[in-house]
C-alpha atoms as a PDB file:
ATOM      1  CA  UNK A   1     118.641 131.720 115.461  1.00  0.00           C
ATOM      2  CA  UNK A   2     116.676 131.281 112.224  1.00  0.00           C
ATOM      3  CA  UNK A   3     117.060 132.657 108.766  1.00  0.00           C
ATOM      4  CA  UNK A   4     113.912 133.370 106.629  1.00  0.00           C
ATOM      5  CA  UNK A   5     114.013 133.387 102.819  1.00  0.00           C
ATOM      6  CA  UNK A   6     111.503 135.295 100.677  1.00  0.00           C
ATOM      7  CA  UNK A   7     110.992 132.039  98.697  1.00  0.00           C
ATOM      8  CA  UNK A   8     112.398 128.561  98.462  1.00  0.00           C
ATOM      9  CA  UNK A   9     115.648 128.140  96.558  1.00  0.00           C
ATOM     10  CA  UNK A  10     119.332 128.937  96.564  1.00  0.00           C
ATOM     11  CA  UNK A  11     119.909 132.712  96.585  1.00  0.00           C
ATOM     12  CA  UNK A  12     123.642 132.744  95.764  1.00  0.00           C
ATOM     13  CA  UNK A  13     126.399 130.484  94.549  1.00  0.00           C
ATOM     14  CA  UNK A  14     126.425 126.955  96.023  1.00  0.00           C
ATOM     15  CA  UNK A  15     129.435 126.285  98.271  1.00  0.00           C
ATOM     16  CA  UNK A  16     131.279 123.045  98.930  1.00  0.00           C
ATOM     17  CA  UNK A  17     134.362 122.104 100.984  1.00  0.00           C
ATOM     18  CA  UNK A  18     135.553 119.178 103.014  1.00  0.00           C
ATOM     19  CA  UNK A  19     133.805 120.679 106.035  1.00  0.00           C
ATOM     20  CA  UNK A  20     130.887 122.624 104.591  1.00  0.00           C
ATOM     21  CA  UNK A  21     128.711 120.339 102.507  1.00  0.00           C
ATOM     22  CA  UNK A  22     125.484 118.413 102.531  1.00  0.00           C
ATOM     23  CA  UNK A  23     127.032 115.688 104.683  1.00  0.00           C
ATOM     24  CA  UNK A  24     127.279 118.263 107.444  1.00  0.00           C
ATOM     25  CA  UNK A  25     123.495 118.391 107.639  1.00  0.00           C
ATOM     26  CA  UNK A  26     123.264 114.627 107.472  1.00  0.00           C
ATOM     27  CA  UNK A  27     125.537 114.452 110.506  1.00  0.00           C
ATOM     28  CA  UNK A  28     123.398 116.779 112.606  1.00  0.00           C
ATOM     29  CA  UNK A  29     120.072 115.508 111.242  1.00  0.00           C
ATOM     30  CA  UNK A  30     120.672 112.123 112.772  1.00  0.00           C
ATOM     31  CA  UNK A  31     121.079 113.585 116.263  1.00  0.00           C
ATOM     32  CA  UNK A  32     118.136 113.587 118.627  1.00  0.00           C
ATOM     33  CA  UNK A  33     119.693 116.422 120.599  1.00  0.00           C
ATOM     34  CA  UNK A  34     122.626 118.774 120.123  1.00  0.00           C
ATOM     35  CA  UNK A  35     125.432 119.931 122.333  1.00  0.00           C
ATOM     36  CA  UNK A  36     126.489 123.585 121.842  1.00  0.00           C
ATOM     37  CA  UNK A  37     130.167 124.247 122.548  1.00  0.00           C
ATOM     38  CA  UNK A  38     130.856 126.883 125.178  1.00  0.00           C
ATOM     39  CA  UNK A  39     131.803 130.384 124.185  1.00  0.00           C
ATOM     40  CA  UNK A  40     135.182 129.948 125.805  1.00  0.00           C
ATOM     41  CA  UNK A  41     135.837 126.728 123.829  1.00  0.00           C
ATOM     42  CA  UNK A  42     134.993 128.422 120.557  1.00  0.00           C
ATOM     43  CA  UNK A  43     136.994 131.562 121.201  1.00  0.00           C
ATOM     44  CA  UNK A  44     140.038 129.515 122.175  1.00  0.00           C
ATOM     45  CA  UNK A  45     140.351 128.242 118.585  1.00  0.00           C
ATOM     46  CA  UNK A  46     139.469 131.498 116.891  1.00  0.00           C
ATOM     47  CA  UNK A  47     135.934 130.414 116.079  1.00  0.00           C
ATOM     48  CA  UNK A  48     132.711 132.415 116.394  1.00  0.00           C
ATOM     49  CA  UNK A  49     131.548 132.498 120.035  1.00  0.00           C
ATOM     50  CA  UNK A  50     127.986 131.485 119.237  1.00  0.00           C
ATOM     51  CA  UNK A  51     126.586 128.670 117.164  1.00  0.00           C
ATOM     52  CA  UNK A  52     123.299 126.848 116.848  1.00  0.00           C
ATOM     53  CA  UNK A  53     121.288 124.711 114.470  1.00  0.00           C
ATOM     54  CA  UNK A  54     117.813 124.979 112.987  1.00  0.00           C
ATOM     55  CA  UNK A  55     116.805 121.675 111.459  1.00  0.00           C
ATOM     56  CA  UNK A  56     113.533 120.931 113.283  1.00  0.00           C
ATOM     57  CA  UNK A  57     110.185 119.795 111.824  1.00  0.00           C
ATOM     58  CA  UNK A  58     109.235 123.339 110.835  1.00  0.00           C
ATOM     59  CA  UNK A  59     112.268 123.772 108.566  1.00  0.00           C
ATOM     60  CA  UNK A  60     112.378 123.182 104.813  1.00  0.00           C
ATOM     61  CA  UNK A  61     108.837 124.511 104.801  1.00  0.00           C
ATOM     62  CA  UNK A  62     106.702 127.516 103.921  1.00  0.00           C
ATOM     63  CA  UNK A  63     105.799 129.859 106.751  1.00  0.00           C
ATOM     64  CA  UNK A  64     102.614 131.889 106.390  1.00  0.00           C
ATOM     65  CA  UNK A  65     101.862 134.700 108.866  1.00  0.00           C
ATOM     66  CA  UNK A  66     100.402 138.142 108.976  1.00  0.00           C
ATOM     67  CA  UNK A  67     103.747 139.563 107.783  1.00  0.00           C
ATOM     68  CA  UNK A  68     103.675 137.506 104.607  1.00  0.00           C
ATOM     69  CA  UNK A  69     104.717 134.144 103.247  1.00  0.00           C
ATOM     70  CA  UNK A  70     108.299 133.033 103.771  1.00  0.00           C
ATOM     71  CA  UNK A  71     110.493 129.925 103.435  1.00  0.00           C
ATOM     72  CA  UNK A  72     112.398 128.466 106.368  1.00  0.00           C
ATOM     73  CA  UNK A  73     115.418 126.451 105.215  1.00  0.00           C
ATOM     74  CA  UNK A  74     117.481 124.070 107.270  1.00  0.00           C
ATOM     75  CA  UNK A  75     120.455 125.953 108.549  1.00  0.00           C
ATOM     76  CA  UNK A  76     123.403 126.065 110.907  1.00  0.00           C
ATOM     77  CA  UNK A  77     124.286 129.493 112.210  1.00  0.00           C
ATOM     78  CA  UNK A  78     127.254 131.072 113.979  1.00  0.00           C
ATOM     79  CA  UNK A  79     128.074 134.676 114.911  1.00  0.00           C
ATOM     80  CA  UNK A  80     128.887 137.286 117.501  1.00  0.00           C
ATOM     81  CA  UNK A  81     127.615 140.435 119.134  1.00  0.00           C
ATOM     82  CA  UNK A  82     128.788 143.513 117.296  1.00  0.00           C
ATOM     83  CA  UNK A  83     127.116 146.502 118.953  1.00  0.00           C
ATOM     84  CA  UNK A  84     126.307 146.911 122.642  1.00  0.00           C
ATOM     85  CA  UNK A  85     124.522 143.618 122.960  1.00  0.00           C
ATOM     86  CA  UNK A  86     121.688 144.345 120.548  1.00  0.00           C
ATOM     87  CA  UNK A  87     123.077 143.815 117.066  1.00  0.00           C
ATOM     88  CA  UNK A  88     124.491 140.518 115.875  1.00  0.00           C
ATOM     89  CA  UNK A  89     126.455 139.356 112.887  1.00  0.00           C
ATOM     90  CA  UNK A  90     125.226 135.945 111.911  1.00  0.00           C
ATOM     91  CA  UNK A  91     126.688 133.635 109.296  1.00  0.00           C
ATOM     92  CA  UNK A  92     124.544 130.769 108.015  1.00  0.00           C
ATOM     93  CA  UNK A  93     125.254 127.467 106.264  1.00  0.00           C
ATOM     94  CA  UNK A  94     121.991 126.914 104.505  1.00  0.00           C
ATOM     95  CA  UNK A  95     120.669 123.750 102.875  1.00  0.00           C
ATOM     96  CA  UNK A  96     118.278 124.262  99.890  1.00  0.00           C
ATOM     97  CA  UNK A  97     117.433 120.957  98.357  1.00  0.00           C
ATOM     98  CA  UNK A  98     120.791 119.354  97.545  1.00  0.00           C
ATOM     99  CA  UNK A  99     122.692 122.640  97.493  1.00  0.00           C
ATOM    100  CA  UNK A 100     124.517 124.318 100.323  1.00  0.00           C
ATOM    101  CA  UNK A 101     125.190 128.072 100.436  1.00  0.00           C
ATOM    102  CA  UNK A 102     126.660 130.601 102.833  1.00  0.00           C
ATOM    103  CA  UNK A 103     124.739 133.718 103.895  1.00  0.00           C
ATOM    104  CA  UNK A 104     125.457 136.701 106.177  1.00  0.00           C
ATOM    105  CA  UNK A 105     122.812 138.564 108.083  1.00  0.00           C
ATOM    106  CA  UNK A 106     123.042 141.562 110.384  1.00  0.00           C
ATOM    107  CA  UNK A 107     120.408 140.962 113.065  1.00  0.00           C
ATOM    108  CA  UNK A 108     119.518 144.457 114.277  1.00  0.00           C
ATOM    109  CA  UNK A 109     115.719 144.626 113.878  1.00  0.00           C
ATOM    110  CA  UNK A 110     112.625 142.438 114.154  1.00  0.00           C
ATOM    111  CA  UNK A 111     112.784 139.150 112.297  1.00  0.00           C
ATOM    112  CA  UNK A 112     110.469 139.997 109.401  1.00  0.00           C
ATOM    113  CA  UNK A 113     112.466 143.136 108.609  1.00  0.00           C
ATOM    114  CA  UNK A 114     115.580 140.957 108.138  1.00  0.00           C
ATOM    115  CA  UNK A 115     114.025 138.888 105.378  1.00  0.00           C
ATOM    116  CA  UNK A 116     115.822 139.453 102.090  1.00  0.00           C
ATOM    117  CA  UNK A 117     118.657 141.434 103.636  1.00  0.00           C
ATOM    118  CA  UNK A 118     121.070 138.497 103.842  1.00  0.00           C
ATOM    119  CA  UNK A 119     124.065 138.509 101.550  1.00  0.00           C
ATOM    120  CA  UNK A 120     126.402 135.882 100.246  1.00  0.00           C
ATOM    121  CA  UNK A 121     129.586 135.063 102.195  1.00  0.00           C
ATOM    122  CA  UNK A 122     132.710 135.107 100.018  1.00  0.00           C
ATOM    123  CA  UNK A 123     135.509 136.358 102.290  1.00  0.00           C
ATOM    124  CA  UNK A 124     138.015 133.482 102.737  1.00  0.00           C
ATOM    125  CA  UNK A 125     138.869 134.623 106.290  1.00  0.00           C
ATOM    126  CA  UNK A 126     135.211 134.521 107.313  1.00  0.00           C
ATOM    127  CA  UNK A 127     134.677 131.139 105.656  1.00  0.00           C
ATOM    128  CA  UNK A 128     137.758 129.792 107.476  1.00  0.00           C
ATOM    129  CA  UNK A 129     136.359 131.046 110.785  1.00  0.00           C
ATOM    130  CA  UNK A 130     133.012 129.410 109.962  1.00  0.00           C
ATOM    131  CA  UNK A 131     134.766 126.164 109.343  1.00  0.00           C
ATOM    132  CA  UNK A 132     136.661 126.345 112.637  1.00  0.00           C
ATOM    133  CA  UNK A 133     133.371 126.840 114.371  1.00  0.00           C
ATOM    134  CA  UNK A 134     131.780 123.848 112.581  1.00  0.00           C
ATOM    135  CA  UNK A 135     134.726 121.588 113.440  1.00  0.00           C
ATOM    136  CA  UNK A 136     134.216 122.376 117.142  1.00  0.00           C
ATOM    137  CA  UNK A 137     130.414 122.009 116.797  1.00  0.00           C
ATOM    138  CA  UNK A 138     130.806 118.612 115.216  1.00  0.00           C
ATOM    139  CA  UNK A 139     133.404 117.509 117.756  1.00  0.00           C
ATOM    140  CA  UNK A 140     130.974 118.378 120.601  1.00  0.00           C
ATOM    141  CA  UNK A 141     128.406 116.176 118.901  1.00  0.00           C
ATOM    142  CA  UNK A 142     130.570 113.251 117.804  1.00  0.00           C
ATOM    143  CA  UNK A 143     128.993 109.849 118.337  1.00  0.00           C
ATOM    144  CA  UNK A 144     129.415 108.318 121.755  1.00  0.00           C
ATOM    145  CA  UNK A 145     131.240 105.051 121.574  1.00  0.00           C
ATOM    146  CA  UNK A 146     130.268 103.106 124.707  1.00  0.00           C
ATOM    147  CA  UNK A 147     132.509 100.367 126.066  1.00  0.00           C
ATOM    148  CA  UNK A 148     131.502  96.734 125.685  1.00  0.00           C
ATOM    149  CA  UNK A 149     130.213  95.188 128.851  1.00  0.00           C
ATOM    150  CA  UNK A 150     130.637  91.430 129.385  1.00  0.00           C
ATOM    151  CA  UNK A 151     127.294  89.875 130.219  1.00  0.00           C
ATOM    152  CA  UNK A 152     125.954  86.312 130.265  1.00  0.00           C
ATOM    153  CA  UNK A 153     123.340  85.573 127.654  1.00  0.00           C
ATOM    154  CA  UNK A 154     122.276  82.531 129.642  1.00  0.00           C
ATOM    155  CA  UNK A 155     121.654  84.694 132.737  1.00  0.00           C
ATOM    156  CA  UNK A 156     119.648  87.107 130.583  1.00  0.00           C
ATOM    157  CA  UNK A 157     117.559  84.233 129.231  1.00  0.00           C
ATOM    158  CA  UNK A 158     117.069  82.744 132.717  1.00  0.00           C
ATOM    159  CA  UNK A 159     115.933  86.094 134.110  1.00  0.00           C
ATOM    160  CA  UNK A 160     113.544  86.840 131.280  1.00  0.00           C
ATOM    161  CA  UNK A 161     112.086  83.345 131.443  1.00  0.00           C
ATOM    162  CA  UNK A 162     111.537  83.606 135.188  1.00  0.00           C
ATOM    163  CA  UNK A 163     109.526  86.825 134.871  1.00  0.00           C
ATOM    164  CA  UNK A 164     107.406  85.401 132.027  1.00  0.00           C
ATOM    165  CA  UNK A 165     108.796  87.056 128.865  1.00  0.00           C
ATOM    166  CA  UNK A 166     107.250  85.167 125.970  1.00  0.00           C
ATOM    167  CA  UNK A 167     110.038  86.073 123.489  1.00  0.00           C
ATOM    168  CA  UNK A 168     112.802  85.523 126.055  1.00  0.00           C
ATOM    169  CA  UNK A 169     115.250  84.026 123.521  1.00  0.00           C
ATOM    170  CA  UNK A 170     114.964  86.922 121.098  1.00  0.00           C
ATOM    171  CA  UNK A 171     115.118  89.572 123.799  1.00  0.00           C
ATOM    172  CA  UNK A 172     118.131  87.942 125.397  1.00  0.00           C
ATOM    173  CA  UNK A 173     119.927  88.146 122.083  1.00  0.00           C
ATOM    174  CA  UNK A 174     119.086  91.798 121.680  1.00  0.00           C
ATOM    175  CA  UNK A 175     120.186  92.907 125.185  1.00  0.00           C
ATOM    176  CA  UNK A 176     123.305  90.740 124.911  1.00  0.00           C
ATOM    177  CA  UNK A 177     124.216  92.515 121.668  1.00  0.00           C
ATOM    178  CA  UNK A 178     123.513  95.925 123.193  1.00  0.00           C
ATOM    179  CA  UNK A 179     125.943  95.192 126.009  1.00  0.00           C
ATOM    180  CA  UNK A 180     128.718  93.322 124.085  1.00  0.00           C
ATOM    181  CA  UNK A 181     128.437  95.033 120.663  1.00  0.00           C
ATOM    182  CA  UNK A 182     127.189  98.534 121.421  1.00  0.00           C
ATOM    183  CA  UNK A 183     128.737 100.130 118.320  1.00  0.00           C
ATOM    184  CA  UNK A 184     126.637  97.799 116.135  1.00  0.00           C
ATOM    185  CA  UNK A 185     123.309  98.488 117.785  1.00  0.00           C
ATOM    186  CA  UNK A 186     122.008 101.706 116.205  1.00  0.00           C
ATOM    187  CA  UNK A 187     118.883  99.890 115.095  1.00  0.00           C
ATOM    188  CA  UNK A 188     118.041  99.053 118.719  1.00  0.00           C
ATOM    189  CA  UNK A 189     117.862 102.767 119.543  1.00  0.00           C
ATOM    190  CA  UNK A 190     115.067 103.102 117.014  1.00  0.00           C
ATOM    191  CA  UNK A 191     113.287  99.925 118.031  1.00  0.00           C
ATOM    192  CA  UNK A 192     113.217 100.884 121.742  1.00  0.00           C
ATOM    193  CA  UNK A 193     112.865 104.616 121.103  1.00  0.00           C
ATOM    194  CA  UNK A 194     116.057 105.286 122.988  1.00  0.00           C
ATOM    195  CA  UNK A 195     116.394 109.097 122.993  1.00  0.00           C
ATOM    196  CA  UNK A 196     120.025 109.580 124.073  1.00  0.00           C
ATOM    197  CA  UNK A 197     123.332 108.554 122.702  1.00  0.00           C
ATOM    198  CA  UNK A 198     124.238 105.080 123.960  1.00  0.00           C
ATOM    199  CA  UNK A 199     126.545 105.063 126.968  1.00  0.00           C
ATOM    200  CA  UNK A 200     128.312 102.230 128.707  1.00  0.00           C
ATOM    201  CA  UNK A 201     125.626 100.221 130.521  1.00  0.00           C
ATOM    202  CA  UNK A 202     122.806 101.332 128.157  1.00  0.00           C
ATOM    203  CA  UNK A 203     121.671  97.748 127.832  1.00  0.00           C
ATOM    204  CA  UNK A 204     120.053  98.061 131.221  1.00  0.00           C
ATOM    205  CA  UNK A 205     117.906 100.980 130.021  1.00  0.00           C
ATOM    206  CA  UNK A 206     116.962  98.962 126.919  1.00  0.00           C
ATOM    207  CA  UNK A 207     116.091  95.963 129.153  1.00  0.00           C
ATOM    208  CA  UNK A 208     113.835  98.031 131.336  1.00  0.00           C
ATOM    209  CA  UNK A 209     112.062  99.644 128.369  1.00  0.00           C
ATOM    210  CA  UNK A 210     111.552  96.239 126.713  1.00  0.00           C
ATOM    211  CA  UNK A 211     110.251  94.624 129.860  1.00  0.00           C
ATOM    212  CA  UNK A 212     107.855  97.432 130.498  1.00  0.00           C
ATOM    213  CA  UNK A 213     106.551  97.256 126.895  1.00  0.00           C
ATOM    214  CA  UNK A 214     105.908  93.586 127.532  1.00  0.00           C
ATOM    215  CA  UNK A 215     104.103  94.250 130.809  1.00  0.00           C
ATOM    216  CA  UNK A 216     106.747  92.290 132.746  1.00  0.00           C
ATOM    217  CA  UNK A 217     108.132  95.187 134.767  1.00  0.00           C
ATOM    218  CA  UNK A 218     107.081  98.718 135.723  1.00  0.00           C
ATOM    219  CA  UNK A 219     108.212 101.537 137.950  1.00  0.00           C
ATOM    220  CA  UNK A 220     106.689 104.405 139.845  1.00  0.00           C
ATOM    221  CA  UNK A 221     108.045 107.469 141.533  1.00  0.00           C
ATOM    222  CA  UNK A 222     108.512 107.341 145.343  1.00  0.00           C
ATOM    223  CA  UNK A 223     105.646 109.757 145.877  1.00  0.00           C
ATOM    224  CA  UNK A 224     103.299 108.185 143.331  1.00  0.00           C
ATOM    225  CA  UNK A 225      99.657 107.981 144.426  1.00  0.00           C
ATOM    226  CA  UNK A 226      98.505 104.589 145.667  1.00  0.00           C
ATOM    227  CA  UNK A 227      95.984 104.244 142.804  1.00  0.00           C
ATOM    228  CA  UNK A 228      98.777 104.657 140.235  1.00  0.00           C
ATOM    229  CA  UNK A 229     100.934 102.059 142.004  1.00  0.00           C
ATOM    230  CA  UNK A 230      98.030  99.672 142.066  1.00  0.00           C
ATOM    231  CA  UNK A 231      97.325 100.170 138.349  1.00  0.00           C
ATOM    232  CA  UNK A 232     101.009  99.582 137.442  1.00  0.00           C
ATOM    233  CA  UNK A 233     101.132  96.377 139.495  1.00  0.00           C
ATOM    234  CA  UNK A 234      97.888  95.024 138.066  1.00  0.00           C
ATOM    235  CA  UNK A 235      99.302  95.375 134.568  1.00  0.00           C
ATOM    236  CA  UNK A 236     101.905  92.710 135.472  1.00  0.00           C
ATOM    237  CA  UNK A 237      99.444  90.191 136.952  1.00  0.00           C
ATOM    238  CA  UNK A 238      97.198  87.518 135.556  1.00  0.00           C
ATOM    239  CA  UNK A 239      93.825  88.639 134.186  1.00  0.00           C
ATOM    240  CA  UNK A 240      91.272  89.278 136.932  1.00  0.00           C
ATOM    241  CA  UNK A 241      93.849  89.504 139.727  1.00  0.00           C
ATOM    242  CA  UNK A 242      92.666  93.010 140.515  1.00  0.00           C
ATOM    243  CA  UNK A 243      89.455  91.713 141.926  1.00  0.00           C
ATOM    244  CA  UNK A 244      91.253  89.806 144.677  1.00  0.00           C
ATOM    245  CA  UNK A 245      93.658  92.465 145.762  1.00  0.00           C
ATOM    246  CA  UNK A 246      93.085  94.986 148.527  1.00  0.00           C
ATOM    247  CA  UNK A 247      91.133  98.057 147.323  1.00  0.00           C
ATOM    248  CA  UNK A 248      94.344 100.025 146.790  1.00  0.00           C
ATOM    249  CA  UNK A 249      92.773 102.138 144.071  1.00  0.00           C
ATOM    250  CA  UNK A 250      90.188 103.404 146.594  1.00  0.00           C
ATOM    251  CA  UNK A 251      91.393 106.869 147.657  1.00  0.00           C
ATOM    252  CA  UNK A 252      89.955 106.180 151.106  1.00  0.00           C
ATOM    253  CA  UNK A 253      92.152 103.153 151.633  1.00  0.00           C
ATOM    254  CA  UNK A 254      95.405 105.129 152.089  1.00  0.00           C
ATOM    255  CA  UNK A 255      96.146 108.549 153.397  1.00  0.00           C
ATOM    256  CA  UNK A 256      98.209 111.148 151.590  1.00  0.00           C
ATOM    257  CA  UNK A 257     101.378 109.976 153.298  1.00  0.00           C
ATOM    258  CA  UNK A 258     101.228 106.391 151.948  1.00  0.00           C
ATOM    259  CA  UNK A 259     104.274 105.159 150.021  1.00  0.00           C
ATOM    260  CA  UNK A 260     104.299 102.764 147.080  1.00  0.00           C
ATOM    261  CA  UNK A 261     105.837 100.141 149.302  1.00  0.00           C
ATOM    262  CA  UNK A 262     102.649 100.170 151.408  1.00  0.00           C
ATOM    263  CA  UNK A 263     100.592  99.198 148.404  1.00  0.00           C
ATOM    264  CA  UNK A 264     103.074  96.595 147.218  1.00  0.00           C
ATOM    265  CA  UNK A 265     103.363  95.053 150.634  1.00  0.00           C
ATOM    266  CA  UNK A 266      99.571  94.725 151.052  1.00  0.00           C
ATOM    267  CA  UNK A 267      99.142  93.233 147.585  1.00  0.00           C
ATOM    268  CA  UNK A 268     102.044  90.868 147.970  1.00  0.00           C
ATOM    269  CA  UNK A 269     100.334  88.872 150.720  1.00  0.00           C
ATOM    270  CA  UNK A 270      97.418  88.132 148.375  1.00  0.00           C
ATOM    271  CA  UNK A 271      99.665  87.191 145.489  1.00  0.00           C
ATOM    272  CA  UNK A 272     101.502  84.730 147.721  1.00  0.00           C
ATOM    273  CA  UNK A 273      98.293  82.963 148.811  1.00  0.00           C
ATOM    274  CA  UNK A 274      96.231  83.009 145.626  1.00  0.00           C
ATOM    275  CA  UNK A 275      98.764  82.881 142.779  1.00  0.00           C
ATOM    276  CA  UNK A 276     102.016  81.619 144.311  1.00  0.00           C
ATOM    277  CA  UNK A 277     103.674  84.850 143.082  1.00  0.00           C
ATOM    278  CA  UNK A 278     105.776  87.436 144.799  1.00  0.00           C
ATOM    279  CA  UNK A 279     106.893  90.928 144.010  1.00  0.00           C
ATOM    280  CA  UNK A 280     110.619  91.699 143.607  1.00  0.00           C
ATOM    281  CA  UNK A 281     112.169  95.096 143.252  1.00  0.00           C
ATOM    282  CA  UNK A 282     115.067  96.066 141.031  1.00  0.00           C
ATOM    283  CA  UNK A 283     117.048  98.389 143.281  1.00  0.00           C
ATOM    284  CA  UNK A 284     119.173 101.080 141.530  1.00  0.00           C
ATOM    285  CA  UNK A 285     119.615 103.175 144.582  1.00  0.00           C
ATOM    286  CA  UNK A 286     117.361 105.892 143.214  1.00  0.00           C
ATOM    287  CA  UNK A 287     114.025 107.315 144.316  1.00  0.00           C
ATOM    288  CA  UNK A 288     111.946 104.996 142.065  1.00  0.00           C
ATOM    289  CA  UNK A 289     110.249 101.704 142.861  1.00  0.00           C
ATOM    290  CA  UNK A 290     110.904  99.318 139.981  1.00  0.00           C
ATOM    291  CA  UNK A 291     109.115  95.987 140.358  1.00  0.00           C
ATOM    292  CA  UNK A 292     108.140  92.685 138.738  1.00  0.00           C
ATOM    293  CA  UNK A 293     106.624  89.399 139.820  1.00  0.00           C
ATOM    294  CA  UNK A 294     108.032  85.858 139.839  1.00  0.00           C
ATOM    295  CA  UNK A 295     106.784  82.521 141.161  1.00  0.00           C
ATOM    296  CA  UNK A 296     107.509  82.061 144.856  1.00  0.00           C
ATOM    297  CA  UNK A 297     109.496  78.967 144.257  1.00  0.00           C
ATOM    298  CA  UNK A 298     111.766  80.834 141.744  1.00  0.00           C
ATOM    299  CA  UNK A 299     112.947  83.653 143.964  1.00  0.00           C
ATOM    300  CA  UNK A 300     116.339  82.042 144.609  1.00  0.00           C
ATOM    301  CA  UNK A 301     116.852  81.495 140.888  1.00  0.00           C
ATOM    302  CA  UNK A 302     115.823  85.104 140.192  1.00  0.00           C
ATOM    303  CA  UNK A 303     118.408  86.437 142.674  1.00  0.00           C
ATOM    304  CA  UNK A 304     121.096  84.176 141.173  1.00  0.00           C
ATOM    305  CA  UNK A 305     120.422  85.351 137.603  1.00  0.00           C
ATOM    306  CA  UNK A 306     120.211  88.970 138.674  1.00  0.00           C
ATOM    307  CA  UNK A 307     123.511  88.699 140.561  1.00  0.00           C
ATOM    308  CA  UNK A 308     125.191  87.382 137.385  1.00  0.00           C
ATOM    309  CA  UNK A 309     123.816  90.411 135.540  1.00  0.00           C
ATOM    310  CA  UNK A 310     124.947  92.874 138.261  1.00  0.00           C
ATOM    311  CA  UNK A 311     121.327  93.686 139.117  1.00  0.00           C
ATOM    312  CA  UNK A 312     120.478  94.220 142.802  1.00  0.00           C
ATOM    313  CA  UNK A 313     117.114  92.782 143.848  1.00  0.00           C
ATOM    314  CA  UNK A 314     115.031  93.325 146.986  1.00  0.00           C
ATOM    315  CA  UNK A 315     112.058  91.522 148.406  1.00  0.00           C
ATOM    316  CA  UNK A 316     109.031  93.621 149.277  1.00  0.00           C
ATOM    317  CA  UNK A 317     109.217  92.019 152.742  1.00  0.00           C
ATOM    318  CA  UNK A 318     112.684  93.443 153.240  1.00  0.00           C
ATOM    319  CA  UNK A 319     111.666  97.102 152.614  1.00  0.00           C
ATOM    320  CA  UNK A 320     111.932  99.190 155.768  1.00  0.00           C
ATOM    321  CA  UNK A 321     108.567 100.275 157.160  1.00  0.00           C
ATOM    322  CA  UNK A 322     108.309 104.005 157.807  1.00  0.00           C
END
């Protein structure tokens, strides 16, 4: 739900309490996604049964359309149906610059006909109900505090070194911190563009993203086309390796029923002979093929390091043939 103002600026008296204030917007602005409490949860505490938030990239901006020019402020709304499912009472906490105000709007017509009809909220009982709603809304979106996971930095370093990570020391430190000090790792979310709240075990997700960024690991879906599998694999290999591999990017080389493992198995034989490399798979029990390459004489070391990290590896040769 969105509120439109005729023009930018506070329309009533600014409001401030321990719950309703500018910090409320800071709390939600930092969230990449929002959880909306269920209607039953809200009603159980005497809150409004509906709530939502409008703080996207189009807010705090002018909106020009054939109906006129309006201003869209950042807002948090809550409300309820009041008439046979078509009219709503909405209450908004609105941020205009550094000021917060409370507005009421009866939504019973098209949006452009509601502009300018909002009024200030002053009833203490309504404000108290708004605050109960906001408390539940914030609680549903409270930061996730993942548990610390013990992990060996030396095993991380050994694993990264084996698969050719050039900044293995630095990356080992970062992933070790993500696992053992997750509450201190907000900056890593930004660095690795991690979109969700960190959960226990999130260091594995960061590890995979970091290795893919460095062209040391990649993954494909189980039904990925052979040409895509071939391209992902070649990104991990020495320059020019593509020229020596089977023509897996040729659509005539594989039929429509080919699996990624078919491409990986065919390429692996060439990697063994020409480069002394082999493909290993990181098995998570899902329907993806996640793979990287290591020197043939380092396979045992890779399995040992992976075991210490609670990572399950597979050899391409051990994949079942369909």
